[in-house]
PDB file of N, CA and C in Angstrom:
ATOM      1  N   MET A   1       3.371  15.270 -30.372  1.00  0.00           N
ATOM      2  CA  MET A   1       2.931  14.795 -29.071  1.00  0.00           C
ATOM      3  C   MET A   1       3.198  13.291 -28.984  1.00  0.00           C
ATOM      4  N   THR A   2       3.838  12.869 -27.888  1.00  0.00           N
ATOM      5  CA  THR A   2       4.157  11.452 -27.736  1.00  0.00           C
ATOM      6  C   THR A   2       3.117  10.761 -26.873  1.00  0.00           C
ATOM      7  N   ASN A   3       2.937   9.507 -27.154  1.00  0.00           N
ATOM      8  CA  ASN A   3       2.044   8.669 -26.366  1.00  0.00           C
ATOM      9  C   ASN A   3       2.838   8.071 -25.213  1.00  0.00           C
ATOM     10  N   ARG A   4       2.493   8.409 -23.980  1.00  0.00           N
ATOM     11  CA  ARG A   4       3.198   7.871 -22.822  1.00  0.00           C
ATOM     12  C   ARG A   4       2.476   6.646 -22.300  1.00  0.00           C
ATOM     13  N   LYS A   5       3.244   5.633 -21.995  1.00  0.00           N
ATOM     14  CA  LYS A   5       2.694   4.445 -21.344  1.00  0.00           C
ATOM     15  C   LYS A   5       3.250   4.410 -19.932  1.00  0.00           C
ATOM     16  N   TYR A   6       2.354   4.404 -18.974  1.00  0.00           N
ATOM     17  CA  TYR A   6       2.763   4.417 -17.582  1.00  0.00           C
ATOM     18  C   TYR A   6       2.890   2.985 -17.072  1.00  0.00           C
ATOM     19  N   ARG A   7       3.972   2.745 -16.352  1.00  0.00           N
ATOM     20  CA  ARG A   7       4.193   1.423 -15.770  1.00  0.00           C
ATOM     21  C   ARG A   7       3.510   1.304 -14.406  1.00  0.00           C
ATOM     22  N   HIS A   8       3.406   2.410 -13.692  1.00  0.00           N
ATOM     23  CA  HIS A   8       2.834   2.399 -12.349  1.00  0.00           C
ATOM     24  C   HIS A   8       1.952   3.624 -12.148  1.00  0.00           C
ATOM     25  N   LEU A   9       0.946   3.446 -11.357  1.00  0.00           N
ATOM     26  CA  LEU A   9       0.083   4.551 -10.969  1.00  0.00           C
ATOM     27  C   LEU A   9      -0.028   4.516  -9.446  1.00  0.00           C
ATOM     28  N   PHE A  10       0.357   5.604  -8.803  1.00  0.00           N
ATOM     29  CA  PHE A  10       0.313   5.677  -7.353  1.00  0.00           C
ATOM     30  C   PHE A  10      -0.697   6.728  -6.928  1.00  0.00           C
ATOM     31  N   PHE A  11      -1.457   6.417  -5.912  1.00  0.00           N
ATOM     32  CA  PHE A  11      -2.361   7.401  -5.334  1.00  0.00           C
ATOM     33  C   PHE A  11      -2.560   7.064  -3.869  1.00  0.00           C
ATOM     34  N   ASP A  12      -3.038   8.025  -3.137  1.00  0.00           N
ATOM     35  CA  ASP A  12      -3.180   7.912  -1.696  1.00  0.00           C
ATOM     36  C   ASP A  12      -4.340   6.991  -1.333  1.00  0.00           C
ATOM     37  N   LEU A  13      -4.051   5.958  -0.548  1.00  0.00           N
ATOM     38  CA  LEU A  13      -5.093   5.027  -0.114  1.00  0.00           C
ATOM     39  C   LEU A  13      -5.424   5.170   1.373  1.00  0.00           C
ATOM     40  N   ASP A  14      -4.696   6.018   2.081  1.00  0.00           N
ATOM     41  CA  ASP A  14      -4.874   6.115   3.534  1.00  0.00           C
ATOM     42  C   ASP A  14      -6.305   6.463   3.911  1.00  0.00           C
ATOM     43  N   ASN A  15      -6.990   5.459   4.342  1.00  0.00           N
ATOM     44  CA  ASN A  15      -8.366   5.589   4.813  1.00  0.00           C
ATOM     45  C   ASN A  15      -9.309   6.178   3.771  1.00  0.00           C
ATOM     46  N   THR A  16      -8.887   6.161   2.527  1.00  0.00           N
ATOM     47  CA  THR A  16      -9.756   6.615   1.449  1.00  0.00           C
ATOM     48  C   THR A  16     -10.474   5.416   0.851  1.00  0.00           C
ATOM     49  N   LEU A  17      -9.690   4.453   0.403  1.00  0.00           N
ATOM     50  CA  LEU A  17     -10.259   3.253  -0.192  1.00  0.00           C
ATOM     51  C   LEU A  17     -10.145   2.029   0.707  1.00  0.00           C
ATOM     52  N   TRP A  18      -9.254   2.097   1.669  1.00  0.00           N
ATOM     53  CA  TRP A  18      -9.138   1.003   2.619  1.00  0.00           C
ATOM     54  C   TRP A  18      -8.791   1.557   3.987  1.00  0.00           C
ATOM     55  N   ASP A  19      -8.969   0.740   4.999  1.00  0.00           N
ATOM     56  CA  ASP A  19      -8.716   1.127   6.382  1.00  0.00           C
ATOM     57  C   ASP A  19      -7.225   0.937   6.675  1.00  0.00           C
ATOM     58  N   PHE A  20      -6.481   2.041   6.686  1.00  0.00           N
ATOM     59  CA  PHE A  20      -5.030   1.980   6.894  1.00  0.00           C
ATOM     60  C   PHE A  20      -4.692   1.320   8.219  1.00  0.00           C
ATOM     61  N   ASN A  21      -5.400   1.682   9.291  1.00  0.00           N
ATOM     62  CA  ASN A  21      -5.082   1.123  10.612  1.00  0.00           C
ATOM     63  C   ASN A  21      -5.319  -0.378  10.663  1.00  0.00           C
ATOM     64  N   LEU A  22      -6.419  -0.820  10.110  1.00  0.00           N
ATOM     65  CA  LEU A  22      -6.704  -2.260  10.104  1.00  0.00           C
ATOM     66  C   LEU A  22      -5.689  -3.009   9.236  1.00  0.00           C
ATOM     67  N   ASN A  23      -5.343  -2.430   8.093  1.00  0.00           N
ATOM     68  CA  ASN A  23      -4.353  -3.046   7.221  1.00  0.00           C
ATOM     69  C   ASN A  23      -2.988  -3.125   7.913  1.00  0.00           C
ATOM     70  N   SER A  24      -2.608  -2.060   8.605  1.00  0.00           N
ATOM     71  CA  SER A  24      -1.340  -2.053   9.349  1.00  0.00           C
ATOM     72  C   SER A  24      -1.343  -3.134  10.426  1.00  0.00           C
ATOM     73  N   TYR A  25      -2.464  -3.217  11.135  1.00  0.00           N
ATOM     74  CA  TYR A  25      -2.587  -4.216  12.192  1.00  0.00           C
ATOM     75  C   TYR A  25      -2.336  -5.623  11.635  1.00  0.00           C
ATOM     76  N   HIS A  26      -3.017  -5.948  10.552  1.00  0.00           N
ATOM     77  CA  HIS A  26      -2.878  -7.288   9.980  1.00  0.00           C
ATOM     78  C   HIS A  26      -1.492  -7.516   9.386  1.00  0.00           C
ATOM     79  N   ALA A  27      -0.935  -6.517   8.739  1.00  0.00           N
ATOM     80  CA  ALA A  27       0.402  -6.662   8.148  1.00  0.00           C
ATOM     81  C   ALA A  27       1.459  -6.865   9.229  1.00  0.00           C
ATOM     82  N   LEU A  28       1.371  -6.092  10.296  1.00  0.00           N
ATOM     83  CA  LEU A  28       2.349  -6.240  11.374  1.00  0.00           C
ATOM     84  C   LEU A  28       2.174  -7.573  12.105  1.00  0.00           C
ATOM     85  N   LYS A  29       0.933  -7.977  12.301  1.00  0.00           N
ATOM     86  CA  LYS A  29       0.690  -9.261  12.966  1.00  0.00           C
ATOM     87  C   LYS A  29       1.208 -10.417  12.101  1.00  0.00           C
ATOM     88  N   GLU A  30       1.017 -10.297  10.801  1.00  0.00           N
ATOM     89  CA  GLU A  30       1.531 -11.317   9.879  1.00  0.00           C
ATOM     90  C   GLU A  30       3.052 -11.424   9.991  1.00  0.00           C
ATOM     91  N   ASN A  31       3.723 -10.294  10.185  1.00  0.00           N
ATOM     92  CA  ASN A  31       5.176 -10.322  10.377  1.00  0.00           C
ATOM     93  C   ASN A  31       5.552 -11.001  11.684  1.00  0.00           C
ATOM     94  N   PHE A  32       4.762 -10.779  12.727  1.00  0.00           N
ATOM     95  CA  PHE A  32       5.013 -11.480  13.986  1.00  0.00           C
ATOM     96  C   PHE A  32       4.950 -12.987  13.760  1.00  0.00           C
ATOM     97  N   VAL A  33       3.960 -13.431  13.025  1.00  0.00           N
ATOM     98  CA  VAL A  33       3.815 -14.865  12.737  1.00  0.00           C
ATOM     99  C   VAL A  33       4.983 -15.346  11.872  1.00  0.00           C
ATOM    100  N   TRP A  34       5.290 -14.593  10.825  1.00  0.00           N
ATOM    101  CA  TRP A  34       6.350 -14.967   9.880  1.00  0.00           C
ATOM    102  C   TRP A  34       7.691 -15.140  10.597  1.00  0.00           C
ATOM    103  N   TYR A  35       8.002 -14.206  11.499  1.00  0.00           N
ATOM    104  CA  TYR A  35       9.280 -14.254  12.203  1.00  0.00           C
ATOM    105  C   TYR A  35       9.203 -15.010  13.526  1.00  0.00           C
ATOM    106  N   ARG A  36       8.075 -15.659  13.758  1.00  0.00           N
ATOM    107  CA  ARG A  36       7.855 -16.497  14.936  1.00  0.00           C
ATOM    108  C   ARG A  36       8.110 -15.755  16.242  1.00  0.00           C
ATOM    109  N   LEU A  37       7.588 -14.536  16.299  1.00  0.00           N
ATOM    110  CA  LEU A  37       7.683 -13.749  17.517  1.00  0.00           C
ATOM    111  C   LEU A  37       6.520 -14.109  18.431  1.00  0.00           C
ATOM    112  N   ASP A  38       6.656 -13.794  19.677  1.00  0.00           N
ATOM    113  CA  ASP A  38       5.644 -14.136  20.671  1.00  0.00           C
ATOM    114  C   ASP A  38       4.376 -13.308  20.441  1.00  0.00           C
ATOM    115  N   LEU A  39       3.308 -13.972  19.991  1.00  0.00           N
ATOM    116  CA  LEU A  39       2.058 -13.276  19.694  1.00  0.00           C
ATOM    117  C   LEU A  39       1.418 -12.657  20.930  1.00  0.00           C
ATOM    118  N   GLN A  40       1.785 -13.135  22.111  1.00  0.00           N
ATOM    119  CA  GLN A  40       1.245 -12.536  23.338  1.00  0.00           C
ATOM    120  C   GLN A  40       1.761 -11.108  23.518  1.00  0.00           C
ATOM    121  N   LEU A  41       2.861 -10.778  22.850  1.00  0.00           N
ATOM    122  CA  LEU A  41       3.437  -9.439  22.946  1.00  0.00           C
ATOM    123  C   LEU A  41       2.903  -8.499  21.861  1.00  0.00           C
ATOM    124  N   PHE A  42       2.159  -9.048  20.910  1.00  0.00           N
ATOM    125  CA  PHE A  42       1.765  -8.240  19.764  1.00  0.00           C
ATOM    126  C   PHE A  42       0.890  -7.048  20.121  1.00  0.00           C
ATOM    127  N   ASP A  43      -0.120  -7.230  20.944  1.00  0.00           N
ATOM    128  CA  ASP A  43      -1.031  -6.122  21.261  1.00  0.00           C
ATOM    129  C   ASP A  43      -0.281  -4.949  21.892  1.00  0.00           C
ATOM    130  N   ARG A  44       0.651  -5.229  22.782  1.00  0.00           N
ATOM    131  CA  ARG A  44       1.442  -4.153  23.395  1.00  0.00           C
ATOM    132  C   ARG A  44       2.336  -3.494  22.339  1.00  0.00           C
ATOM    133  N   PHE A  45       2.956  -4.308  21.505  1.00  0.00           N
ATOM    134  CA  PHE A  45       3.777  -3.783  20.415  1.00  0.00           C
ATOM    135  C   PHE A  45       2.949  -2.846  19.534  1.00  0.00           C
ATOM    136  N   TYR A  46       1.746  -3.263  19.190  1.00  0.00           N
ATOM    137  CA  TYR A  46       0.898  -2.471  18.301  1.00  0.00           C
ATOM    138  C   TYR A  46       0.495  -1.149  18.951  1.00  0.00           C
ATOM    139  N   GLU A  47       0.213  -1.155  20.244  1.00  0.00           N
ATOM    140  CA  GLU A  47      -0.103   0.090  20.959  1.00  0.00           C
ATOM    141  C   GLU A  47       1.058   1.077  20.853  1.00  0.00           C
ATOM    142  N   ILE A  48       2.265   0.581  21.058  1.00  0.00           N
ATOM    143  CA  ILE A  48       3.452   1.441  20.985  1.00  0.00           C
ATOM    144  C   ILE A  48       3.675   1.916  19.555  1.00  0.00           C
ATOM    145  N   TYR A  49       3.470   1.027  18.593  1.00  0.00           N
ATOM    146  CA  TYR A  49       3.589   1.397  17.176  1.00  0.00           C
ATOM    147  C   TYR A  49       2.633   2.546  16.840  1.00  0.00           C
ATOM    148  N   ILE A  50       1.378   2.441  17.279  1.00  0.00           N
ATOM    149  CA  ILE A  50       0.377   3.475  16.992  1.00  0.00           C
ATOM    150  C   ILE A  50       0.821   4.820  17.576  1.00  0.00           C
ATOM    151  N   LEU A  51       1.303   4.821  18.812  1.00  0.00           N
ATOM    152  CA  LEU A  51       1.757   6.067  19.440  1.00  0.00           C
ATOM    153  C   LEU A  51       2.864   6.725  18.622  1.00  0.00           C
ATOM    154  N   HIS A  52       3.865   5.945  18.245  1.00  0.00           N
ATOM    155  CA  HIS A  52       4.986   6.498  17.483  1.00  0.00           C
ATOM    156  C   HIS A  52       4.571   6.879  16.066  1.00  0.00           C
ATOM    157  N   ASN A  53       3.753   6.068  15.443  1.00  0.00           N
ATOM    158  CA  ASN A  53       3.309   6.351  14.080  1.00  0.00           C
ATOM    159  C   ASN A  53       2.518   7.664  14.029  1.00  0.00           C
ATOM    160  N   GLU A  54       1.610   7.850  14.979  1.00  0.00           N
ATOM    161  CA  GLU A  54       0.822   9.088  15.017  1.00  0.00           C
ATOM    162  C   GLU A  54       1.712  10.302  15.263  1.00  0.00           C
ATOM    163  N   ARG A  55       2.684  10.157  16.148  1.00  0.00           N
ATOM    164  CA  ARG A  55       3.613  11.259  16.429  1.00  0.00           C
ATOM    165  C   ARG A  55       4.417  11.612  15.174  1.00  0.00           C
ATOM    166  N   LEU A  56       4.896  10.608  14.467  1.00  0.00           N
ATOM    167  CA  LEU A  56       5.678  10.866  13.261  1.00  0.00           C
ATOM    168  C   LEU A  56       4.838  11.486  12.146  1.00  0.00           C
ATOM    169  N   TRP A  57       3.585  11.064  12.001  1.00  0.00           N
ATOM    170  CA  TRP A  57       2.709  11.687  11.000  1.00  0.00           C
ATOM    171  C   TRP A  57       2.443  13.141  11.346  1.00  0.00           C
ATOM    172  N   GLU A  58       2.260  13.426  12.639  1.00  0.00           N
ATOM    173  CA  GLU A  58       2.057  14.815  13.050  1.00  0.00           C
ATOM    174  C   GLU A  58       3.295  15.653  12.739  1.00  0.00           C
ATOM    175  N   LEU A  59       4.459  15.107  13.002  1.00  0.00           N
ATOM    176  CA  LEU A  59       5.703  15.790  12.683  1.00  0.00           C
ATOM    177  C   LEU A  59       5.814  16.027  11.174  1.00  0.00           C
ATOM    178  N   TYR A  60       5.424  15.051  10.396  1.00  0.00           N
ATOM    179  CA  TYR A  60       5.433  15.190   8.933  1.00  0.00           C
ATOM    180  C   TYR A  60       4.488  16.309   8.491  1.00  0.00           C
ATOM    181  N   ARG A  61       3.299  16.358   9.090  1.00  0.00           N
ATOM    182  CA  ARG A  61       2.340  17.405   8.739  1.00  0.00           C
ATOM    183  C   ARG A  61       2.865  18.796   9.081  1.00  0.00           C
ATOM    184  N   GLN A  62       3.746  18.870  10.064  1.00  0.00           N
ATOM    185  CA  GLN A  62       4.336  20.147  10.459  1.00  0.00           C
ATOM    186  C   GLN A  62       5.640  20.415   9.713  1.00  0.00           C
ATOM    187  N   ASN A  63       5.898  19.655   8.671  1.00  0.00           N
ATOM    188  CA  ASN A  63       7.139  19.775   7.882  1.00  0.00           C
ATOM    189  C   ASN A  63       8.380  19.554   8.729  1.00  0.00           C
ATOM    190  N   GLY A  64       8.285  18.660   9.682  1.00  0.00           N
ATOM    191  CA  GLY A  64       9.439  18.319  10.502  1.00  0.00           C
ATOM    192  C   GLY A  64       9.715  19.274  11.630  1.00  0.00           C
ATOM    193  N   ASN A  65       8.854  20.259  11.833  1.00  0.00           N
ATOM    194  CA  ASN A  65       9.057  21.221  12.927  1.00  0.00           C
ATOM    195  C   ASN A  65       8.363  20.730  14.182  1.00  0.00           C
ATOM    196  N   GLU A  66       9.133  20.097  15.030  1.00  0.00           N
ATOM    197  CA  GLU A  66       8.580  19.513  16.261  1.00  0.00           C
ATOM    198  C   GLU A  66       8.199  20.595  17.262  1.00  0.00           C
ATOM    199  N   LYS A  67       7.032  20.417  17.892  1.00  0.00           N
ATOM    200  CA  LYS A  67       6.598  21.346  18.945  1.00  0.00           C
ATOM    201  C   LYS A  67       7.434  21.092  20.189  1.00  0.00           C
ATOM    202  N   ARG A  68       7.826  22.154  20.836  1.00  0.00           N
ATOM    203  CA  ARG A  68       8.606  21.999  22.078  1.00  0.00           C
ATOM    204  C   ARG A  68       7.888  22.644  23.224  1.00  0.00           C
TER     205      ARG A  68
END
């Protein structure tokens, strides 16, 4: 039996240990600041991001089988 040393450990953090939506909000806003984008547009951008992100997660949960 060999002793394995793991370099990385990955586990699901989505709303388990931290607030995924709040983290996404701050990460995306930080990118707006970093790239010097107009912060007045951020809230609208984030609304659109949430709509698309939720749709894509639903599609993922359906194994890519989109409802028609």
